[in-house]
Protein backbone atom coordinates (compact mmCIF):
# COMPACT_ATOMS: atom_id res chain seq x y z
CA MET A 1 0.08 24.23 -13.09
CA MET A 2 2.84 24.85 -10.41
CA LYS A 3 6.22 25.74 -11.48
CA LEU A 4 9.45 24.39 -9.77
CA LYS A 5 12.23 26.69 -8.92
CA LYS A 6 15.44 25.66 -10.68
CA GLY A 7 18.51 25.28 -8.79
CA LYS A 8 16.59 25.10 -5.38
CA LEU A 9 16.11 21.92 -3.52
CA LEU A 10 12.58 20.55 -3.78
CA ILE A 11 12.38 20.35 0.06
CA ASP A 12 12.89 24.05 0.35
CA GLN A 13 10.34 25.14 -2.16
CA HIS A 14 7.79 26.02 0.51
CA ASN A 15 6.43 29.37 1.75
CA LYS A 16 6.74 30.61 5.45
CA ASN A 17 3.75 28.49 6.42
CA TYR A 18 5.52 25.32 5.01
CA MET A 19 3.16 24.97 2.02
CA TYR A 20 4.44 23.74 -1.35
CA GLY A 21 2.44 25.95 -3.64
CA LYS A 22 -1.06 26.73 -2.34
CA LYS A 23 -2.24 23.16 -1.90
CA PHE A 24 0.28 20.82 -0.21
CA GLY A 25 2.11 20.41 3.15
CA GLY A 26 1.99 22.62 6.09
CA ASN A 27 1.95 21.85 9.84
CA TYR A 28 -1.62 20.85 10.87
CA VAL A 29 -0.65 19.72 14.26
CA PRO A 30 -2.13 20.08 17.83
CA GLU A 31 -0.81 22.96 19.95
CA THR A 32 1.19 20.55 22.09
CA LEU A 33 3.37 19.58 19.10
CA LYS A 34 4.19 23.10 17.79
CA LYS A 35 7.07 23.66 20.27
CA PRO A 36 8.83 20.32 19.75
CA ILE A 37 8.34 20.65 15.91
CA GLU A 38 9.79 24.07 16.12
CA ASP A 39 12.73 22.86 18.14
CA LEU A 40 13.45 19.89 15.66
CA THR A 41 13.18 22.40 12.70
CA ASN A 42 15.69 24.75 14.32
CA LEU A 43 18.15 21.93 15.04
CA PHE A 44 17.87 20.42 11.57
CA GLU A 45 18.21 23.76 9.72
CA LYS A 46 21.33 24.48 11.76
CA LEU A 47 23.06 21.11 11.41
CA ARG A 48 22.25 20.62 7.70
CA TYR A 49 24.75 23.39 7.05
CA ASN A 50 27.20 22.37 9.76
CA LYS A 51 30.47 20.97 8.41
CA LYS A 52 31.17 18.84 11.48
CA PHE A 53 27.65 17.33 11.32
CA LEU A 54 27.86 16.68 7.63
CA ASN A 55 31.26 14.89 8.12
CA GLU A 56 29.65 12.81 10.84
CA ARG A 57 26.84 11.91 8.63
CA ASP A 58 29.01 11.01 5.80
CA TYR A 59 31.18 8.86 7.91
CA TYR A 60 28.39 6.83 9.14
CA PHE A 61 26.92 6.62 5.63
CA LYS A 62 30.23 5.12 4.38
CA ASN A 63 31.26 2.95 7.36
CA TYR A 64 27.90 1.93 8.77
CA VAL A 65 25.27 2.33 5.93
CA GLY A 66 27.73 1.08 3.25
CA VAL A 67 27.53 3.65 0.54
CA PRO A 68 27.78 3.62 -2.46
CA THR A 69 25.30 1.02 -3.42
CA PRO A 70 25.72 -0.85 -6.76
CA PHE A 71 24.54 0.34 -10.16
CA PHE A 72 24.50 -2.20 -12.94
CA LYS A 73 22.85 -3.39 -16.15
CA LEU A 74 20.23 -6.07 -16.04
CA ASN A 75 21.44 -7.87 -19.10
CA ASN A 76 19.38 -10.90 -19.17
CA LEU A 77 16.21 -8.89 -18.58
CA THR A 78 17.11 -6.40 -21.15
CA LYS A 79 17.69 -9.12 -23.79
CA HIS A 80 14.52 -10.96 -22.78
CA LEU A 81 12.29 -7.91 -23.23
CA GLY A 82 14.12 -6.18 -26.14
CA GLY A 83 13.99 -2.42 -26.49
CA ALA A 84 15.28 -0.13 -23.85
CA GLN A 85 18.26 -0.95 -21.66
CA ILE A 86 17.29 -1.71 -17.95
CA TRP A 87 19.60 -0.93 -15.20
CA CYS A 88 19.32 -1.27 -11.37
CA LYS A 89 20.24 0.74 -8.58
CA GLN A 90 20.45 -1.94 -5.92
CA VAL A 91 19.82 0.28 -2.69
CA SER A 92 18.88 -2.88 -0.97
CA LYS A 93 22.61 -3.66 -0.51
CA ALA A 94 22.75 -0.89 2.14
CA ASN A 95 22.99 -2.10 5.72
CA GLY A 96 19.76 -3.78 6.72
CA GLY A 97 18.50 -4.28 3.18
CA ALA A 98 16.65 -1.08 2.36
CA HIS A 99 16.82 2.63 1.90
CA LYS A 100 15.11 3.39 5.17
CA ILE A 101 18.59 3.18 6.94
CA TYR A 102 19.56 6.64 5.70
CA ASN A 103 16.76 8.37 7.33
CA ALA A 104 17.05 6.31 10.54
CA THR A 105 20.71 7.10 10.87
CA VAL A 106 20.21 10.82 10.56
CA HIS A 107 17.38 10.77 13.08
CA ALA A 108 19.49 8.86 15.38
CA LEU A 109 22.32 11.49 15.02
CA LEU A 110 19.71 14.27 15.61
CA CYS A 111 18.42 12.62 18.72
CA LYS A 112 21.83 12.45 20.06
CA ARG A 113 22.36 16.24 19.30
CA ALA A 114 19.13 16.89 21.13
CA LYS A 115 20.46 15.09 24.14
CA LYS A 116 17.37 12.77 24.33
CA LYS A 117 17.72 8.99 25.06
CA TYR A 118 14.61 7.68 23.48
CA ILE A 119 13.34 7.41 19.90
CA ILE A 120 10.17 6.23 18.53
CA GLY A 121 9.07 5.52 14.94
CA ASP A 122 6.34 3.92 12.66
CA THR A 123 6.56 1.21 10.26
CA GLY A 124 4.51 -0.71 7.66
CA ALA A 125 6.84 -3.07 5.75
CA GLY A 126 8.91 -3.32 8.90
CA TYR A 127 12.02 -1.73 7.11
CA ALA A 128 11.60 1.80 8.75
CA GLY A 129 11.27 -0.10 12.01
CA LYS A 130 14.09 -2.43 11.50
CA MET A 131 16.35 0.32 10.40
CA LEU A 132 15.49 2.70 13.37
CA SER A 133 16.01 -0.29 15.73
CA MET A 134 19.35 -0.77 14.24
CA ALA A 135 20.33 2.80 14.41
CA ALA A 136 19.14 3.05 18.01
CA LYS A 137 21.22 0.21 18.98
CA LYS A 138 24.27 1.60 17.17
CA PHE A 139 23.96 5.06 18.92
CA GLY A 140 22.82 3.61 22.43
CA LEU A 141 19.18 4.84 22.31
CA LYS A 142 15.99 3.12 23.62
CA CYS A 143 13.53 2.46 20.88
CA LYS A 144 9.75 1.84 20.42
CA ILE A 145 8.31 1.03 17.03
CA PHE A 146 4.61 1.40 16.13
CA MET A 147 3.16 -1.15 13.84
CA GLY A 148 -0.36 -2.28 12.67
CA THR A 149 -1.31 -5.86 13.88
CA LYS A 150 -2.00 -6.88 10.22
CA ASP A 151 1.64 -5.66 9.27
CA ILE A 152 3.11 -7.55 12.26
CA VAL A 153 1.76 -10.82 10.89
CA ARG A 154 2.75 -10.32 7.24
CA GLN A 155 6.18 -8.77 7.99
CA ALA A 156 7.25 -11.21 10.84
CA VAL A 157 10.83 -11.46 9.59
CA ASN A 158 11.50 -7.78 10.15
CA CYS A 159 9.60 -7.92 13.58
CA ARG A 160 12.03 -10.53 14.69
CA ALA A 161 14.81 -8.34 13.76
CA MET A 162 13.48 -5.30 15.64
CA ARG A 163 13.15 -7.24 18.75
CA LYS A 164 16.70 -8.73 18.29
CA ASN A 165 17.97 -5.08 18.13
CA GLY A 166 16.27 -4.43 21.46
CA ALA A 167 13.31 -2.34 20.23
CA GLU A 168 9.80 -2.62 21.75
CA ILE A 169 7.07 -3.16 19.07
CA VAL A 170 3.80 -1.43 19.98
CA PRO A 171 0.97 -3.31 18.16
CA VAL A 172 -1.80 -0.94 16.70
CA ASN A 173 -5.13 -2.67 16.32
CA SER A 174 -7.19 0.33 15.27
CA GLY A 175 -8.44 1.19 11.82
CA SER A 176 -7.04 -0.94 9.01
CA ARG A 177 -4.38 -2.08 11.28
CA THR A 178 -1.60 -0.99 8.78
CA LEU A 179 0.84 1.87 8.34
CA VAL A 180 -1.67 4.70 8.46
CA ASP A 181 -2.80 3.68 11.91
CA ALA A 182 0.90 3.11 12.97
CA VAL A 183 1.86 6.75 12.10
CA SER A 184 -1.24 7.92 14.01
CA GLU A 185 -0.41 6.23 17.27
CA CYS A 186 3.23 7.07 16.97
CA MET A 187 2.29 10.73 16.90
CA ARG A 188 -0.19 10.46 19.67
CA TYR A 189 2.59 8.91 21.92
CA TRP A 190 5.00 11.80 20.88
CA VAL A 191 2.42 14.40 22.10
CA SER A 192 2.85 13.11 25.66
CA ASN A 193 6.57 12.28 25.49
CA ASN A 194 8.36 14.82 23.32
CA ASP A 195 10.34 16.22 26.24
CA THR A 196 12.35 12.93 26.50
CA THR A 197 11.69 11.41 23.09
CA SER A 198 12.49 12.09 19.54
CA MET A 199 10.17 10.81 16.70
CA CYS A 200 11.22 9.53 13.41
CA VAL A 201 8.68 9.45 10.59
CA GLY A 202 9.59 6.68 8.33
CA SER A 203 8.76 8.35 5.00
CA THR A 204 8.39 11.85 3.45
CA VAL A 205 5.12 12.39 5.10
CA GLY A 206 3.70 14.30 8.13
CA PRO A 207 4.54 17.72 9.40
CA ASN A 208 7.15 19.72 7.30
CA ILE A 209 10.19 18.94 9.16
CA PHE A 210 9.82 15.20 8.87
CA ILE A 211 9.32 15.40 5.09
CA LYS A 212 12.49 17.50 4.91
CA ILE A 213 14.77 15.28 7.13
CA CYS A 214 13.77 12.19 5.37
CA ALA A 215 14.15 13.51 1.82
CA TRP A 216 17.46 15.17 2.83
CA SER A 217 18.79 11.86 4.18
CA THR A 218 17.79 9.55 1.23
CA ALA A 219 19.17 12.04 -1.36
CA GLN A 220 22.40 10.25 -0.74
CA ILE A 221 20.97 7.74 -3.16
CA SER A 222 20.84 10.19 -6.21
CA ARG A 223 24.19 11.75 -5.34
CA GLU A 224 25.61 8.45 -5.85
CA LEU A 225 23.55 7.67 -8.94
CA ILE A 226 24.47 10.81 -10.94
CA VAL A 227 28.09 9.90 -10.51
CA GLN A 228 27.45 6.35 -11.57
CA VAL A 229 25.37 7.25 -14.62
CA LYS A 230 27.96 9.72 -15.81
CA LYS A 231 30.72 7.16 -15.23
CA GLU A 232 28.88 4.45 -17.31
CA PHE A 233 27.61 6.72 -20.10
CA GLY A 234 30.11 9.59 -20.03
CA LYS A 235 27.17 11.94 -19.35
CA VAL A 236 23.54 11.88 -18.40
CA PRO A 237 21.89 10.10 -21.32
CA LYS A 238 19.52 11.97 -23.71
CA LYS A 239 16.78 9.62 -22.77
CA LEU A 240 16.86 8.43 -19.06
CA LYS A 241 13.88 7.10 -17.24
CA LEU A 242 14.09 6.77 -13.44
CA ILE A 243 11.39 4.47 -12.22
CA ASN A 244 10.48 4.22 -8.38
CA CYS A 245 7.81 2.72 -6.44
CA ILE A 246 5.53 5.25 -4.39
CA GLY A 247 4.03 4.79 -1.01
CA GLY A 248 4.92 7.68 1.32
CA GLY A 249 7.51 8.44 -1.35
CA SER A 250 10.90 8.49 0.51
CA SER A 251 12.88 6.21 -1.81
CA ALA A 252 11.80 8.07 -4.86
CA MET A 253 12.75 11.41 -3.42
CA GLY A 254 16.05 10.02 -2.75
CA PHE A 255 16.45 8.41 -6.19
CA TRP A 256 15.15 11.57 -8.07
CA ASN A 257 16.73 14.47 -6.13
CA GLU A 258 19.85 15.28 -8.24
CA PHE A 259 17.68 14.90 -11.51
CA ILE A 260 14.75 17.16 -10.78
CA ASP A 261 16.30 20.17 -12.49
CA TYR A 262 16.92 18.06 -15.84
CA ASP A 263 14.46 18.68 -18.64
CA LYS A 264 11.76 16.18 -18.27
CA ASN A 265 12.28 15.23 -22.05
CA GLN A 266 15.67 13.99 -21.04
CA VAL A 267 15.14 12.68 -17.56
CA GLU A 268 11.67 11.28 -16.91
CA LEU A 269 10.62 10.64 -13.23
CA ILE A 270 8.15 7.65 -13.10
CA GLY A 271 6.44 6.78 -9.80
CA VAL A 272 4.47 3.63 -9.43
CA GLU A 273 1.80 3.43 -6.90
CA ALA A 274 0.16 0.27 -5.48
CA GLY A 275 -2.89 -0.63 -7.58
CA GLY A 276 -4.03 -3.35 -5.19
CA PRO A 277 -5.47 -6.73 -6.26
CA LYS A 278 -6.97 -6.69 -9.85
CA ASP A 279 -10.34 -7.91 -8.78
CA SER A 280 -10.69 -5.28 -5.85
CA LYS A 281 -11.90 -1.60 -5.83
CA ARG A 282 -9.36 -0.88 -3.00
CA HIS A 283 -5.82 0.35 -3.83
CA ALA A 284 -3.08 2.60 -2.43
CA ALA A 285 -2.69 4.93 -5.32
CA PRO A 286 -3.96 8.42 -4.59
CA LEU A 287 -2.00 10.05 -7.30
CA THR A 288 -3.08 7.75 -10.18
CA ASN A 289 -6.79 7.51 -9.27
CA GLY A 290 -7.73 11.15 -8.90
CA ALA A 291 -7.90 11.32 -5.08
CA LYS A 292 -8.93 14.66 -3.62
CA ILE A 293 -6.78 16.84 -1.32
CA GLY A 294 -7.11 16.31 2.29
CA VAL A 295 -5.17 16.54 5.53
CA LEU A 296 -3.40 13.49 6.84
CA HIS A 297 -0.85 13.23 9.45
CA GLY A 298 -0.21 16.85 9.70
CA ALA A 299 -0.05 17.82 5.99
CA LEU A 300 -2.22 18.58 2.97
CA GLN A 301 -1.93 15.99 0.24
CA TYR A 302 -3.73 13.85 -2.25
CA VAL A 303 -5.45 11.24 0.01
CA ILE A 304 -7.90 8.32 -0.49
CA GLN A 305 -11.13 9.39 1.09
CA ASP A 306 -14.91 8.99 1.02
CA ALA A 307 -17.56 11.47 0.04
CA GLU A 308 -17.64 12.90 3.59
CA GLY A 309 -13.73 13.26 3.69
CA GLN A 310 -12.99 10.30 5.97
CA ILE A 311 -9.90 8.47 5.16
CA GLU A 312 -10.69 5.19 3.32
CA GLU A 313 -9.02 1.75 4.02
CA THR A 314 -6.39 0.80 1.23
CA GLU A 315 -5.33 -2.56 0.03
CA SER A 316 -1.85 -3.78 -1.39
CA ILE A 317 0.11 -6.96 -1.19
CA SER A 318 2.99 -4.60 -0.44
CA ALA A 319 2.91 -3.36 3.17
CA GLY A 320 5.37 -0.43 2.49
CA LEU A 321 3.14 0.95 -0.14
CA ASP A 322 -0.21 0.41 1.77
CA TYR A 323 -0.69 4.14 2.60
CA PRO A 324 -3.91 6.21 1.68
CA GLY A 325 -1.82 9.57 1.32
CA VAL A 326 1.45 10.47 -0.36
CA SER A 327 4.08 13.03 0.42
CA PRO A 328 3.37 16.56 -0.43
CA LEU A 329 6.52 16.69 -2.47
CA HIS A 330 5.04 14.03 -4.82
CA CYS A 331 1.94 16.21 -5.04
CA LEU A 332 4.07 19.11 -6.10
CA LEU A 333 5.92 16.92 -8.72
CA LYS A 334 2.53 15.78 -10.00
CA ASP A 335 0.92 19.18 -10.21
CA SER A 336 3.98 20.78 -11.80
CA LYS A 337 4.07 17.75 -14.35
CA ARG A 338 7.67 17.14 -13.54
CA ALA A 339 6.90 13.45 -12.60
CA ARG A 340 4.51 11.01 -14.14
CA TYR A 341 2.61 8.61 -11.91
CA THR A 342 0.97 5.28 -12.61
CA SER A 343 0.20 2.16 -10.64
CA ALA A 344 0.82 -1.70 -10.81
CA THR A 345 -1.54 -4.38 -9.32
CA ASP A 346 -0.56 -6.97 -6.90
CA GLU A 347 -0.51 -9.44 -9.70
CA GLU A 348 1.77 -7.39 -11.88
CA ALA A 349 4.15 -6.87 -8.98
CA LEU A 350 4.29 -10.56 -8.33
CA ALA A 351 4.79 -11.35 -12.05
CA ALA A 352 7.71 -8.82 -12.24
CA PHE A 353 9.34 -10.47 -9.18
CA LYS A 354 9.01 -13.80 -10.63
CA LEU A 355 10.54 -12.79 -14.01
CA ILE A 356 13.44 -10.82 -12.41
CA SER A 357 14.37 -13.48 -9.97
CA LYS A 358 14.42 -16.01 -12.68
CA LEU A 359 16.62 -13.97 -15.02
CA GLU A 360 18.81 -11.94 -12.71
CA LYS A 361 20.41 -12.27 -9.27
CA VAL A 362 18.29 -9.42 -7.97
CA ARG A 363 15.51 -10.22 -5.35
CA PRO A 364 13.43 -7.07 -4.96
CA SER A 365 10.89 -6.65 -2.22
CA LEU A 366 7.30 -6.28 -3.26
CA GLU A 367 7.58 -2.53 -3.00
CA PRO A 368 10.23 -2.00 -5.84
CA ALA A 369 8.56 -5.07 -7.73
CA HIS A 370 5.88 -2.44 -8.65
CA ALA A 371 8.53 -0.35 -10.15
CA PHE A 372 9.98 -3.32 -12.12
CA ALA A 373 6.49 -3.98 -13.30
CA GLU A 374 6.34 -0.69 -15.04
CA ALA A 375 9.86 -1.10 -16.49
CA ILE A 376 8.90 -4.43 -17.97
CA LYS A 377 5.67 -2.93 -19.47
CA ILE A 378 7.35 0.08 -21.28
CA ALA A 379 10.86 -1.40 -22.12
CA PRO A 380 9.72 -3.28 -25.31
CA ARG A 381 8.12 -0.13 -26.78
CA LEU A 382 11.31 1.95 -26.48
CA ASN A 383 14.53 1.92 -28.48
CA LYS A 384 18.06 0.64 -27.13
CA ASP A 385 19.19 4.13 -26.69
CA THR A 386 16.77 4.65 -23.78
CA ILE A 387 18.07 3.89 -20.41
CA ILE A 388 15.65 2.63 -17.69
CA ALA A 389 17.08 2.88 -14.23
CA VAL A 390 14.94 1.19 -11.50
CA ASN A 391 15.48 1.73 -7.74
CA SER A 392 15.48 -1.83 -6.14
CA CYS A 393 15.02 -0.11 -2.74
CA GLY A 394 14.40 -3.24 -0.57
CA ASP A 395 15.24 -6.92 -0.65
CA ALA A 396 12.60 -9.61 -0.61
CA LYS A 397 13.62 -11.45 2.63
CA LYS A 398 10.78 -9.88 4.51
CA ASP A 399 8.26 -11.05 1.85
CA MET A 400 9.33 -14.69 1.79
CA ASN A 401 6.11 -16.06 3.36
CA ILE A 402 3.98 -13.96 0.93
CA ILE A 403 5.98 -14.88 -2.13
CA LYS A 404 5.87 -18.62 -1.14
CA LYS A 405 2.19 -18.56 -0.66
CA ARG A 406 1.19 -16.60 -3.77
CA LEU A 407 3.99 -18.00 -6.26
CA GLY A 408 4.73 -21.33 -4.65
CA CYS A 409 8.48 -20.78 -4.59
CA SER A 410 10.99 -19.96 -1.97
CA LEU A 411 13.73 -17.25 -2.17
């Protein structure tokens, strides 16, 4: 079992080869990308401690992103289920409707500091693309978004927003036509254009520097949350469970960052992957289903693969969780036993959305609906002194067509 180093940020717990422990991470990239990755790494490592840059980041987080986002008790859901108290960190109230705005804003600021005029990114649920198109427009950058054709159809709402912001959507028709293929095509484009173009990876995946930038950016969520928790309860409760959906893992890293050093018996970190349709063998839950370690998008991680080591196609109603790998940071948290991982099926996520939208004014997207499904499952078994906090990291506007088709209701 791996051991985490207390008092040291999780993103920095790698060796000189950017490996977390002996198993995860690294920079498995073509020779042509080593120099641009090194340049971006040097720029970020310099700026993350630069007071002027930090002030600039905080200014835009407050006045553009709109922090802090709300934290409140779901009274009706708590009463309906009995047992533990259920609270919501409504990150979807951030500008644009999802947590992806933190990473997009930081990448846009880095792009400006690198004196580049073009920025590219990948997207599955469309939120990473939407947010990057917003940030590009805000900071006067030209933007391309790579997106699988399957996701372009099911996330049409966010596609309209990207185009409205002036971004070009590059359709990806290879493989499963989802997020994994979009990331691959985005990286291929960057190989040929890195002299003029910055790349933003939309989650805590890929070569090490993209993992670090994304997790460092979304850590704003837990910096707010720990203050809000102490304000509500006077201190961090003796029994606190932080539940987050897991695809690539960016929102969870942001939600958990400030709490990782707490004892797991006090603060339990629970990640919920996409279990896929209940009648299908396909899923997007490598941590839950015993996936083997492999290389995907430049890093070693648990990844869904066949007997020959080829990446297998995944399936989930949630485009943002429909990814065969997972962040090396979550692999580290799993192997160190600091976090517990489980999964929810499409049907459980839909049922959770239906119940929450009936009882509360929260309309989570299908990604955090997976996290709410776990909260609904465990809350009745726990006592009222246990606090469950769920990260509602995206709103359901992008999923309105899917929800209408599957549940027969409109938002």
